[in-house]
Amino acid sequence: MRTTSQQSQRRATAEAPPTVGNVAVGFDLLGHALVGSGDRVTVTRTASGCVRILSITGVVVSLPLDTDANTAGRALTALLLSCPPATGFDVEIVKGIALSSGMGGSAASSVAAVVAANATLDAPLSTTTLYHAAMRGESAATGAAHGDNVAPALLGGLVIAPSHGDPVQVPVPAWLHAAVVRPHFPLETRASRAVLTEPYALHAFVEQSEALALTLAGCYTQDASLIARGLRDVLVEPRRAALIPGFAQVKQAALDCGALGASISGGGPSIFGWFDSHEKATRASGAMREAFRAVSLESDALVSVVAAPGARVVE
């Protein structure tokens, strides 16, 4: 008979936070974590050799129980390739992040799943293995295995998320805060990616590369003026802005309250701004919500340090 201690090692719950993907300057390769309600996933290790999604509860319940169509399920299926033979996982998901919100909900489920599963293994796997398995899970929702939400959900803080190799954490100033406002309507990631299919001019890539370089330099040197010079999006934002009612007004509200820069969080419809103090971010979050109300949209606001923690085992 298995003891209570042995039973506890076969079952674990992990929580992964919401995130801001792209961060204006780094489409599909840069993201940061947020302090806020995330997704919780409980994983029970079995000897079935397969992954089963047992339940989905929380703020979203209309997600597939089919393993390959579910981000957590697909991530764990990828993780099984690195596990001992006959390892299986039973999965219970509690969603804390709204669907199609632009705050990394699909990535949070896949990250929480692999972190919880890893805690049940006798020989834990590497962060690199967890990262790439979770990226595989992300592809179930977005159609592409990109890590701009996965990496910060896993590691916390601001992270460069390469398609190959390990993610790279970027040091950020302790004073750097984000305000994120989510209007109450969904915008599916696949739809927001569909507007990006037309070719871009070479000069736009040069300008965006400059913006990314300045923003990262500002983070490394803790120079707010460099961040303010760089934090802009000339590639994706112009094509996606029309998908979000009131976008220009909400962005301007953030800038009027002292934002170093503001843009679309992930695929939208959430809008974020970076600020050099908690006070400015808090004031801006209220102004941004008022701007959404002006176009008849209610919204939720979240204020967080950019250096927010990543996923953790909670049980």
C-alpha atoms as a PDB file:
ATOM      1  CA  MET A   1       0.000   0.000   0.000  1.00  0.00           C
ATOM      2  CA  ARG A   2       1.249   3.485  -0.879  1.00  0.00           C
ATOM      3  CA  THR A   3       1.865   5.807   2.073  1.00  0.00           C
ATOM      4  CA  THR A   4       0.434   9.328   2.398  1.00  0.00           C
ATOM      5  CA  SER A   5       3.875  10.740   1.607  1.00  0.00           C
ATOM      6  CA  GLN A   6       4.114   8.648  -1.560  1.00  0.00           C
ATOM      7  CA  GLN A   7       0.603   9.646  -2.576  1.00  0.00           C
ATOM      8  CA  SER A   8       1.433  13.353  -2.226  1.00  0.00           C
ATOM      9  CA  GLN A   9       4.414  12.919  -4.556  1.00  0.00           C
ATOM     10  CA  ARG A  10       2.093  11.614  -7.277  1.00  0.00           C
ATOM     11  CA  ARG A  11      -0.196  14.675  -7.237  1.00  0.00           C
ATOM     12  CA  ALA A  12       0.637  18.383  -7.414  1.00  0.00           C
ATOM     13  CA  THR A  13      -1.044  21.697  -8.181  1.00  0.00           C
ATOM     14  CA  ALA A  14       0.744  24.593  -9.864  1.00  0.00           C
ATOM     15  CA  GLU A  15      -0.359  28.123 -10.726  1.00  0.00           C
ATOM     16  CA  ALA A  16       0.926  30.174 -13.657  1.00  0.00           C
ATOM     17  CA  PRO A  17       0.374  33.953 -13.890  1.00  0.00           C
ATOM     18  CA  PRO A  18      -1.137  36.153 -16.580  1.00  0.00           C
ATOM     19  CA  THR A  19       1.355  37.724 -18.957  1.00  0.00           C
ATOM     20  CA  VAL A  20       1.877  40.526 -21.458  1.00  0.00           C
ATOM     21  CA  GLY A  21       3.039  39.090 -24.763  1.00  0.00           C
ATOM     22  CA  ASN A  22       5.062  40.936 -27.427  1.00  0.00           C
ATOM     23  CA  VAL A  23       5.571  43.987 -25.136  1.00  0.00           C
ATOM     24  CA  ALA A  24       5.196  46.236 -28.206  1.00  0.00           C
ATOM     25  CA  VAL A  25       8.771  45.747 -29.412  1.00  0.00           C
ATOM     26  CA  GLY A  26       9.199  41.960 -29.483  1.00  0.00           C
ATOM     27  CA  PHE A  27       6.527  40.187 -31.510  1.00  0.00           C
ATOM     28  CA  ASP A  28       6.438  36.491 -30.533  1.00  0.00           C
ATOM     29  CA  LEU A  29       9.752  36.756 -28.665  1.00  0.00           C
ATOM     30  CA  LEU A  30       9.344  39.041 -25.645  1.00  0.00           C
ATOM     31  CA  GLY A  31       6.921  38.921 -22.737  1.00  0.00           C
ATOM     32  CA  HIS A  32       6.591  39.622 -19.043  1.00  0.00           C
ATOM     33  CA  ALA A  33       4.657  38.178 -16.131  1.00  0.00           C
ATOM     34  CA  LEU A  34       1.981  39.954 -14.109  1.00  0.00           C
ATOM     35  CA  VAL A  35       0.902  39.703 -10.496  1.00  0.00           C
ATOM     36  CA  GLY A  36      -2.730  38.617 -10.752  1.00  0.00           C
ATOM     37  CA  SER A  37      -5.123  35.701 -10.811  1.00  0.00           C
ATOM     38  CA  GLY A  38      -3.693  32.944 -12.975  1.00  0.00           C
ATOM     39  CA  ASP A  39      -4.535  29.413 -14.084  1.00  0.00           C
ATOM     40  CA  ARG A  40      -4.258  26.482 -11.663  1.00  0.00           C
ATOM     41  CA  VAL A  41      -3.670  22.955 -12.878  1.00  0.00           C
ATOM     42  CA  THR A  42      -3.656  19.822 -10.732  1.00  0.00           C
ATOM     43  CA  VAL A  43      -1.820  16.829 -12.166  1.00  0.00           C
ATOM     44  CA  THR A  44      -1.950  13.275 -10.840  1.00  0.00           C
ATOM     45  CA  ARG A  45       0.765  10.957 -12.119  1.00  0.00           C
ATOM     46  CA  THR A  46      -0.573   7.599 -13.288  1.00  0.00           C
ATOM     47  CA  ALA A  47       0.733   4.482 -14.973  1.00  0.00           C
ATOM     48  CA  SER A  48      -1.651   4.828 -17.934  1.00  0.00           C
ATOM     49  CA  GLY A  49       0.936   6.059 -20.421  1.00  0.00           C
ATOM     50  CA  CYS A  50      -1.421   8.786 -21.606  1.00  0.00           C
ATOM     51  CA  VAL A  51      -2.846  12.207 -20.677  1.00  0.00           C
ATOM     52  CA  ARG A  52      -6.489  12.661 -19.669  1.00  0.00           C
ATOM     53  CA  ILE A  53      -8.247  15.990 -19.053  1.00  0.00           C
ATOM     54  CA  LEU A  54     -10.723  15.261 -16.253  1.00  0.00           C
ATOM     55  CA  SER A  55     -12.269  18.686 -15.630  1.00  0.00           C
ATOM     56  CA  ILE A  56     -12.169  22.377 -16.546  1.00  0.00           C
ATOM     57  CA  THR A  57     -13.647  24.923 -14.124  1.00  0.00           C
ATOM     58  CA  GLY A  58     -13.186  28.608 -13.287  1.00  0.00           C
ATOM     59  CA  VAL A  59     -13.844  31.701 -15.385  1.00  0.00           C
ATOM     60  CA  VAL A  60     -13.794  29.628 -18.593  1.00  0.00           C
ATOM     61  CA  VAL A  61     -15.345  26.174 -18.918  1.00  0.00           C
ATOM     62  CA  SER A  62     -15.955  25.928 -22.680  1.00  0.00           C
ATOM     63  CA  LEU A  63     -12.536  24.470 -23.478  1.00  0.00           C
ATOM     64  CA  PRO A  64     -11.939  21.067 -25.084  1.00  0.00           C
ATOM     65  CA  LEU A  65     -11.403  17.979 -22.952  1.00  0.00           C
ATOM     66  CA  ASP A  66      -9.747  16.390 -25.956  1.00  0.00           C
ATOM     67  CA  THR A  67      -6.084  16.109 -25.010  1.00  0.00           C
ATOM     68  CA  ASP A  68      -4.529  17.287 -28.263  1.00  0.00           C
ATOM     69  CA  ALA A  69      -6.923  20.232 -28.616  1.00  0.00           C
ATOM     70  CA  ASN A  70      -6.264  21.472 -25.056  1.00  0.00           C
ATOM     71  CA  THR A  71      -3.116  23.496 -24.358  1.00  0.00           C
ATOM     72  CA  ALA A  72      -2.418  21.744 -21.046  1.00  0.00           C
ATOM     73  CA  GLY A  73      -3.103  18.353 -22.586  1.00  0.00           C
ATOM     74  CA  ARG A  74      -0.871  18.907 -25.600  1.00  0.00           C
ATOM     75  CA  ALA A  75       1.921  20.257 -23.385  1.00  0.00           C
ATOM     76  CA  LEU A  76       1.802  17.188 -21.153  1.00  0.00           C
ATOM     77  CA  THR A  77       1.730  14.868 -24.161  1.00  0.00           C
ATOM     78  CA  ALA A  78       4.949  16.540 -25.314  1.00  0.00           C
ATOM     79  CA  LEU A  79       6.374  16.206 -21.798  1.00  0.00           C
ATOM     80  CA  LEU A  80       5.711  12.437 -21.796  1.00  0.00           C
ATOM     81  CA  LEU A  81       8.446  12.065 -24.407  1.00  0.00           C
ATOM     82  CA  SER A  82      10.952  12.938 -21.665  1.00  0.00           C
ATOM     83  CA  CYS A  83       9.311  10.846 -18.929  1.00  0.00           C
ATOM     84  CA  PRO A  84       9.858   7.185 -17.974  1.00  0.00           C
ATOM     85  CA  PRO A  85       7.824   4.612 -19.952  1.00  0.00           C
ATOM     86  CA  ALA A  86       4.180   4.094 -18.875  1.00  0.00           C
ATOM     87  CA  THR A  87       4.026   7.525 -17.205  1.00  0.00           C
ATOM     88  CA  GLY A  88       0.632   9.135 -17.532  1.00  0.00           C
ATOM     89  CA  PHE A  89      -1.094  12.252 -16.213  1.00  0.00           C
ATOM     90  CA  ASP A  90      -4.661  13.006 -15.137  1.00  0.00           C
ATOM     91  CA  VAL A  91      -5.395  16.732 -15.300  1.00  0.00           C
ATOM     92  CA  GLU A  92      -7.813  19.136 -13.586  1.00  0.00           C
ATOM     93  CA  ILE A  93      -7.792  22.749 -14.780  1.00  0.00           C
ATOM     94  CA  VAL A  94      -9.095  25.827 -12.951  1.00  0.00           C
ATOM     95  CA  LYS A  95      -9.050  28.820 -15.293  1.00  0.00           C
ATOM     96  CA  GLY A  96      -8.360  32.196 -13.710  1.00  0.00           C
ATOM     97  CA  ILE A  97      -7.575  34.056 -16.941  1.00  0.00           C
ATOM     98  CA  ALA A  98     -10.370  35.032 -19.320  1.00  0.00           C
ATOM     99  CA  LEU A  99     -10.471  33.438 -22.756  1.00  0.00           C
ATOM    100  CA  SER A 100      -9.107  35.475 -25.694  1.00  0.00           C
ATOM    101  CA  SER A 101      -8.083  38.325 -23.384  1.00  0.00           C
ATOM    102  CA  GLY A 102      -4.539  38.947 -24.589  1.00  0.00           C
ATOM    103  CA  MET A 103      -3.161  38.026 -21.152  1.00  0.00           C
ATOM    104  CA  GLY A 104      -1.646  34.641 -21.916  1.00  0.00           C
ATOM    105  CA  GLY A 105      -4.422  32.330 -20.757  1.00  0.00           C
ATOM    106  CA  SER A 106      -3.536  29.495 -23.113  1.00  0.00           C
ATOM    107  CA  ALA A 107       0.129  29.697 -22.140  1.00  0.00           C
ATOM    108  CA  ALA A 108      -0.705  29.812 -18.422  1.00  0.00           C
ATOM    109  CA  SER A 109      -2.606  26.523 -18.610  1.00  0.00           C
ATOM    110  CA  SER A 110       0.198  24.770 -20.469  1.00  0.00           C
ATOM    111  CA  VAL A 111       2.877  26.145 -18.121  1.00  0.00           C
ATOM    112  CA  ALA A 112       0.955  25.308 -14.948  1.00  0.00           C
ATOM    113  CA  ALA A 113       0.399  21.799 -16.302  1.00  0.00           C
ATOM    114  CA  VAL A 114       4.074  21.034 -16.980  1.00  0.00           C
ATOM    115  CA  VAL A 115       5.202  22.582 -13.679  1.00  0.00           C
ATOM    116  CA  ALA A 116       2.668  20.526 -11.727  1.00  0.00           C
ATOM    117  CA  ALA A 117       3.541  17.351 -13.649  1.00  0.00           C
ATOM    118  CA  ASN A 118       7.240  17.927 -13.077  1.00  0.00           C
ATOM    119  CA  ALA A 119       6.618  18.079  -9.336  1.00  0.00           C
ATOM    120  CA  THR A 120       5.162  14.558  -9.456  1.00  0.00           C
ATOM    121  CA  LEU A 121       8.198  12.996 -11.151  1.00  0.00           C
ATOM    122  CA  ASP A 122      10.872  11.142  -9.220  1.00  0.00           C
ATOM    123  CA  ALA A 123      13.536  12.825 -11.366  1.00  0.00           C
ATOM    124  CA  PRO A 124      12.433  16.383 -12.255  1.00  0.00           C
ATOM    125  CA  LEU A 125      13.048  17.577 -15.807  1.00  0.00           C
ATOM    126  CA  SER A 126      14.995  20.672 -16.868  1.00  0.00           C
ATOM    127  CA  THR A 127      13.511  24.117 -17.343  1.00  0.00           C
ATOM    128  CA  THR A 128      14.408  23.854 -21.032  1.00  0.00           C
ATOM    129  CA  THR A 129      12.322  20.685 -21.358  1.00  0.00           C
ATOM    130  CA  LEU A 130       9.366  22.302 -19.568  1.00  0.00           C
ATOM    131  CA  TYR A 131       9.634  25.401 -21.765  1.00  0.00           C
ATOM    132  CA  HIS A 132       9.546  23.556 -25.066  1.00  0.00           C
ATOM    133  CA  ALA A 133       6.760  21.226 -23.931  1.00  0.00           C
ATOM    134  CA  ALA A 134       4.670  24.222 -22.852  1.00  0.00           C
ATOM    135  CA  MET A 135       5.331  25.933 -26.198  1.00  0.00           C
ATOM    136  CA  ARG A 136       4.025  22.835 -27.906  1.00  0.00           C
ATOM    137  CA  GLY A 137       0.915  23.163 -25.757  1.00  0.00           C
ATOM    138  CA  GLU A 138       0.502  26.829 -26.714  1.00  0.00           C
ATOM    139  CA  SER A 139       0.253  25.801 -30.349  1.00  0.00           C
ATOM    140  CA  ALA A 140      -3.091  24.099 -29.623  1.00  0.00           C
ATOM    141  CA  ALA A 141      -4.666  27.526 -29.106  1.00  0.00           C
ATOM    142  CA  THR A 142      -2.724  29.786 -31.436  1.00  0.00           C
ATOM    143  CA  GLY A 143      -1.635  27.497 -34.243  1.00  0.00           C
ATOM    144  CA  ALA A 144       2.015  28.394 -33.614  1.00  0.00           C
ATOM    145  CA  ALA A 145       4.550  27.293 -31.014  1.00  0.00           C
ATOM    146  CA  HIS A 146       5.813  30.660 -29.785  1.00  0.00           C
ATOM    147  CA  GLY A 147       7.060  31.452 -26.298  1.00  0.00           C
ATOM    148  CA  ASP A 148       6.418  35.138 -25.619  1.00  0.00           C
ATOM    149  CA  ASN A 149       3.739  34.203 -23.074  1.00  0.00           C
ATOM    150  CA  VAL A 150       5.116  30.783 -22.136  1.00  0.00           C
ATOM    151  CA  ALA A 151       8.572  31.959 -21.056  1.00  0.00           C
ATOM    152  CA  PRO A 152       7.475  34.713 -18.636  1.00  0.00           C
ATOM    153  CA  ALA A 153       4.694  32.517 -17.241  1.00  0.00           C
ATOM    154  CA  LEU A 154       7.318  29.880 -16.499  1.00  0.00           C
ATOM    155  CA  LEU A 155      10.218  32.040 -15.295  1.00  0.00           C
ATOM    156  CA  GLY A 156       8.640  35.347 -14.250  1.00  0.00           C
ATOM    157  CA  GLY A 157       9.791  38.867 -15.067  1.00  0.00           C
ATOM    158  CA  LEU A 158      10.696  40.067 -18.573  1.00  0.00           C
ATOM    159  CA  VAL A 159      11.924  37.237 -20.786  1.00  0.00           C
ATOM    160  CA  ILE A 160      13.315  36.799 -24.283  1.00  0.00           C
ATOM    161  CA  ALA A 161      11.646  33.659 -25.662  1.00  0.00           C
ATOM    162  CA  PRO A 162      13.691  32.067 -28.466  1.00  0.00           C
ATOM    163  CA  SER A 163      12.279  29.343 -30.691  1.00  0.00           C
ATOM    164  CA  HIS A 164      15.402  27.278 -29.994  1.00  0.00           C
ATOM    165  CA  GLY A 165      17.418  27.015 -26.810  1.00  0.00           C
ATOM    166  CA  ASP A 166      16.779  28.444 -23.369  1.00  0.00           C
ATOM    167  CA  PRO A 167      14.690  31.537 -22.617  1.00  0.00           C
ATOM    168  CA  VAL A 168      16.672  34.529 -21.346  1.00  0.00           C
ATOM    169  CA  GLN A 169      15.504  36.658 -18.425  1.00  0.00           C
ATOM    170  CA  VAL A 170      16.064  40.396 -18.802  1.00  0.00           C
ATOM    171  CA  PRO A 171      16.764  42.377 -15.617  1.00  0.00           C
ATOM    172  CA  VAL A 172      14.248  45.175 -15.095  1.00  0.00           C
ATOM    173  CA  PRO A 173      14.200  48.078 -12.629  1.00  0.00           C
ATOM    174  CA  ALA A 174      12.226  47.500  -9.432  1.00  0.00           C
ATOM    175  CA  TRP A 175      10.301  50.714 -10.143  1.00  0.00           C
ATOM    176  CA  LEU A 176       8.987  49.501 -13.499  1.00  0.00           C
ATOM    177  CA  HIS A 177       5.233  48.841 -13.379  1.00  0.00           C
ATOM    178  CA  ALA A 178       2.605  47.834 -15.900  1.00  0.00           C
ATOM    179  CA  ALA A 179      -1.049  48.775 -16.105  1.00  0.00           C
ATOM    180  CA  VAL A 180      -3.130  46.332 -18.142  1.00  0.00           C
ATOM    181  CA  VAL A 181      -6.782  46.985 -18.996  1.00  0.00           C
ATOM    182  CA  ARG A 182      -8.955  44.252 -20.468  1.00  0.00           C
ATOM    183  CA  PRO A 183     -12.186  45.297 -22.207  1.00  0.00           C
ATOM    184  CA  HIS A 184     -15.103  42.902 -21.867  1.00  0.00           C
ATOM    185  CA  PHE A 185     -15.061  41.319 -25.284  1.00  0.00           C
ATOM    186  CA  PRO A 186     -12.982  38.441 -26.650  1.00  0.00           C
ATOM    187  CA  LEU A 187     -10.489  38.713 -29.475  1.00  0.00           C
ATOM    188  CA  GLU A 188      -9.231  35.321 -30.583  1.00  0.00           C
ATOM    189  CA  THR A 189      -5.494  35.064 -31.172  1.00  0.00           C
ATOM    190  CA  ARG A 190      -5.990  33.341 -34.511  1.00  0.00           C
ATOM    191  CA  ALA A 191      -8.124  36.282 -35.692  1.00  0.00           C
ATOM    192  CA  SER A 192      -5.595  38.867 -34.525  1.00  0.00           C
ATOM    193  CA  ARG A 193      -2.789  36.992 -36.272  1.00  0.00           C
ATOM    194  CA  ALA A 194      -4.777  36.830 -39.503  1.00  0.00           C
ATOM    195  CA  VAL A 195      -4.341  40.578 -40.100  1.00  0.00           C
ATOM    196  CA  LEU A 196      -0.546  40.191 -40.175  1.00  0.00           C
ATOM    197  CA  THR A 197      -0.267  38.130 -43.344  1.00  0.00           C
ATOM    198  CA  GLU A 198       0.601  40.919 -45.800  1.00  0.00           C
ATOM    199  CA  PRO A 199       4.342  41.572 -46.355  1.00  0.00           C
ATOM    200  CA  TYR A 200       6.158  44.325 -44.452  1.00  0.00           C
ATOM    201  CA  ALA A 201       8.617  46.857 -45.812  1.00  0.00           C
ATOM    202  CA  LEU A 202      12.255  46.394 -44.815  1.00  0.00           C
ATOM    203  CA  HIS A 203      12.470  49.845 -43.212  1.00  0.00           C
ATOM    204  CA  ALA A 204       9.712  48.859 -40.776  1.00  0.00           C
ATOM    205  CA  PHE A 205      11.842  45.955 -39.522  1.00  0.00           C
ATOM    206  CA  VAL A 206      14.794  48.291 -39.074  1.00  0.00           C
ATOM    207  CA  GLU A 207      12.683  50.727 -37.046  1.00  0.00           C
ATOM    208  CA  GLN A 208      11.252  47.919 -34.934  1.00  0.00           C
ATOM    209  CA  SER A 209      14.733  46.485 -34.307  1.00  0.00           C
ATOM    210  CA  GLU A 210      15.832  49.909 -33.103  1.00  0.00           C
ATOM    211  CA  ALA A 211      12.854  50.033 -30.730  1.00  0.00           C
ATOM    212  CA  LEU A 212      13.654  46.582 -29.323  1.00  0.00           C
ATOM    213  CA  ALA A 213      17.322  47.461 -28.831  1.00  0.00           C
ATOM    214  CA  LEU A 214      16.522  50.727 -27.037  1.00  0.00           C
ATOM    215  CA  THR A 215      13.950  49.081 -24.775  1.00  0.00           C
ATOM    216  CA  LEU A 216      16.277  46.257 -23.755  1.00  0.00           C
ATOM    217  CA  ALA A 217      19.144  48.712 -23.228  1.00  0.00           C
ATOM    218  CA  GLY A 218      16.889  50.784 -20.988  1.00  0.00           C
ATOM    219  CA  CYS A 219      15.975  47.728 -18.928  1.00  0.00           C
ATOM    220  CA  TYR A 220      19.580  46.633 -18.500  1.00  0.00           C
ATOM    221  CA  THR A 221      20.760  50.133 -17.550  1.00  0.00           C
ATOM    222  CA  GLN A 222      17.589  51.068 -15.601  1.00  0.00           C
ATOM    223  CA  ASP A 223      17.232  54.133 -17.817  1.00  0.00           C
ATOM    224  CA  ALA A 224      13.586  55.196 -18.159  1.00  0.00           C
ATOM    225  CA  SER A 225      14.416  57.623 -20.974  1.00  0.00           C
ATOM    226  CA  LEU A 226      15.801  54.801 -23.143  1.00  0.00           C
ATOM    227  CA  ILE A 227      12.724  52.677 -22.475  1.00  0.00           C
ATOM    228  CA  ALA A 228      10.508  55.612 -23.441  1.00  0.00           C
ATOM    229  CA  ARG A 229      12.447  56.084 -26.696  1.00  0.00           C
ATOM    230  CA  GLY A 230      12.053  52.438 -27.578  1.00  0.00           C
ATOM    231  CA  LEU A 231       8.686  51.195 -26.316  1.00  0.00           C
ATOM    232  CA  ARG A 232       6.638  51.395 -29.529  1.00  0.00           C
ATOM    233  CA  ASP A 233       5.258  49.023 -32.141  1.00  0.00           C
ATOM    234  CA  VAL A 234       5.406  49.987 -35.816  1.00  0.00           C
ATOM    235  CA  LEU A 235       4.766  46.471 -37.137  1.00  0.00           C
ATOM    236  CA  VAL A 236       1.831  44.793 -35.417  1.00  0.00           C
ATOM    237  CA  GLU A 237      -0.080  47.537 -33.619  1.00  0.00           C
ATOM    238  CA  PRO A 238      -1.043  49.504 -36.779  1.00  0.00           C
ATOM    239  CA  ARG A 239      -2.699  46.399 -38.246  1.00  0.00           C
ATOM    240  CA  ARG A 240      -4.416  45.226 -35.064  1.00  0.00           C
ATOM    241  CA  ALA A 241      -5.580  48.570 -33.658  1.00  0.00           C
ATOM    242  CA  ALA A 242      -8.810  48.547 -35.658  1.00  0.00           C
ATOM    243  CA  LEU A 243      -9.814  45.253 -34.014  1.00  0.00           C
ATOM    244  CA  ILE A 244     -10.071  46.992 -30.608  1.00  0.00           C
ATOM    245  CA  PRO A 245     -12.780  49.675 -30.234  1.00  0.00           C
ATOM    246  CA  GLY A 246     -11.356  52.789 -28.629  1.00  0.00           C
ATOM    247  CA  PHE A 247      -7.757  51.636 -28.916  1.00  0.00           C
ATOM    248  CA  ALA A 248      -6.309  55.044 -29.817  1.00  0.00           C
ATOM    249  CA  GLN A 249      -8.147  56.768 -26.954  1.00  0.00           C
ATOM    250  CA  VAL A 250      -7.116  54.150 -24.397  1.00  0.00           C
ATOM    251  CA  LYS A 251      -3.486  54.278 -25.496  1.00  0.00           C
ATOM    252  CA  GLN A 252      -3.525  58.072 -25.341  1.00  0.00           C
ATOM    253  CA  ALA A 253      -5.002  57.934 -21.836  1.00  0.00           C
ATOM    254  CA  ALA A 254      -2.025  55.839 -20.737  1.00  0.00           C
ATOM    255  CA  LEU A 255       0.448  58.224 -22.360  1.00  0.00           C
ATOM    256  CA  ASP A 256      -1.292  61.249 -20.816  1.00  0.00           C
ATOM    257  CA  CYS A 257      -0.756  59.659 -17.390  1.00  0.00           C
ATOM    258  CA  GLY A 258       2.982  59.332 -17.942  1.00  0.00           C
ATOM    259  CA  ALA A 259       3.371  55.979 -19.667  1.00  0.00           C
ATOM    260  CA  LEU A 260       6.832  55.266 -21.031  1.00  0.00           C
ATOM    261  CA  GLY A 261       4.966  53.519 -23.840  1.00  0.00           C
ATOM    262  CA  ALA A 262       1.696  51.682 -24.424  1.00  0.00           C
ATOM    263  CA  SER A 263       0.414  49.106 -26.876  1.00  0.00           C
ATOM    264  CA  ILE A 264      -1.620  45.922 -27.313  1.00  0.00           C
ATOM    265  CA  SER A 265      -1.023  43.091 -24.854  1.00  0.00           C
ATOM    266  CA  GLY A 266      -0.413  39.916 -26.831  1.00  0.00           C
ATOM    267  CA  GLY A 267      -3.069  39.464 -29.494  1.00  0.00           C
ATOM    268  CA  GLY A 268      -5.431  41.849 -27.655  1.00  0.00           C
ATOM    269  CA  PRO A 269      -7.909  43.155 -26.784  1.00  0.00           C
ATOM    270  CA  SER A 270      -6.090  44.077 -23.545  1.00  0.00           C
ATOM    271  CA  ILE A 271      -3.960  47.222 -23.658  1.00  0.00           C
ATOM    272  CA  PHE A 272      -0.899  47.760 -21.475  1.00  0.00           C
ATOM    273  CA  GLY A 273       1.348  50.636 -20.521  1.00  0.00           C
ATOM    274  CA  TRP A 274       4.724  50.743 -18.743  1.00  0.00           C
ATOM    275  CA  PHE A 275       5.316  53.317 -16.007  1.00  0.00           C
ATOM    276  CA  ASP A 276       8.162  54.400 -13.772  1.00  0.00           C
ATOM    277  CA  SER A 277       6.045  54.172 -10.607  1.00  0.00           C
ATOM    278  CA  HIS A 278       3.141  52.280  -9.095  1.00  0.00           C
ATOM    279  CA  GLU A 279       1.261  55.547  -8.581  1.00  0.00           C
ATOM    280  CA  LYS A 280       1.360  56.500 -12.263  1.00  0.00           C
ATOM    281  CA  ALA A 281       0.312  53.004 -13.315  1.00  0.00           C
ATOM    282  CA  THR A 282      -2.631  53.053 -10.913  1.00  0.00           C
ATOM    283  CA  ARG A 283      -3.788  56.477 -12.083  1.00  0.00           C
ATOM    284  CA  ALA A 284      -3.454  55.425 -15.711  1.00  0.00           C
ATOM    285  CA  SER A 285      -5.451  52.230 -15.206  1.00  0.00           C
ATOM    286  CA  GLY A 286      -8.446  54.314 -14.150  1.00  0.00           C
ATOM    287  CA  ALA A 287      -8.055  56.697 -17.078  1.00  0.00           C
ATOM    288  CA  MET A 288      -7.743  53.787 -19.519  1.00  0.00           C
ATOM    289  CA  ARG A 289     -10.947  52.236 -18.188  1.00  0.00           C
ATOM    290  CA  GLU A 290     -12.722  55.564 -18.607  1.00  0.00           C
ATOM    291  CA  ALA A 291     -11.543  55.693 -22.215  1.00  0.00           C
ATOM    292  CA  PHE A 292     -13.065  52.273 -22.836  1.00  0.00           C
ATOM    293  CA  ARG A 293     -16.310  53.410 -21.205  1.00  0.00           C
ATOM    294  CA  ALA A 294     -16.397  56.281 -23.705  1.00  0.00           C
ATOM    295  CA  VAL A 295     -16.876  53.653 -26.433  1.00  0.00           C
ATOM    296  CA  SER A 296     -19.418  51.724 -24.311  1.00  0.00           C
ATOM    297  CA  LEU A 297     -17.037  49.021 -23.117  1.00  0.00           C
ATOM    298  CA  GLU A 298     -16.601  47.978 -19.507  1.00  0.00           C
ATOM    299  CA  SER A 299     -13.191  46.661 -18.534  1.00  0.00           C
ATOM    300  CA  ASP A 300     -11.001  45.227 -15.791  1.00  0.00           C
ATOM    301  CA  ALA A 301      -7.670  46.710 -14.738  1.00  0.00           C
ATOM    302  CA  LEU A 302      -4.545  45.143 -13.297  1.00  0.00           C
ATOM    303  CA  VAL A 303      -1.474  46.970 -11.980  1.00  0.00           C
ATOM    304  CA  SER A 304       1.701  44.962 -11.447  1.00  0.00           C
ATOM    305  CA  VAL A 305       5.449  45.153 -11.223  1.00  0.00           C
ATOM    306  CA  VAL A 306       7.091  43.980 -14.436  1.00  0.00           C
ATOM    307  CA  ALA A 307       9.445  41.813 -12.356  1.00  0.00           C
ATOM    308  CA  ALA A 308       6.524  39.591 -11.338  1.00  0.00           C
ATOM    309  CA  PRO A 309       7.054  35.959 -10.266  1.00  0.00           C
ATOM    310  CA  GLY A 310       6.457  33.031 -12.584  1.00  0.00           C
ATOM    311  CA  ALA A 311       4.745  29.698 -12.099  1.00  0.00           C
ATOM    312  CA  ARG A 312       4.958  27.899  -8.769  1.00  0.00           C
ATOM    313  CA  VAL A 313       3.779  24.725  -7.109  1.00  0.00           C
ATOM    314  CA  VAL A 314       1.050  25.658  -4.628  1.00  0.00           C
ATOM    315  CA  GLU A 315       0.024  22.204  -3.350  1.00  0.00           C
END
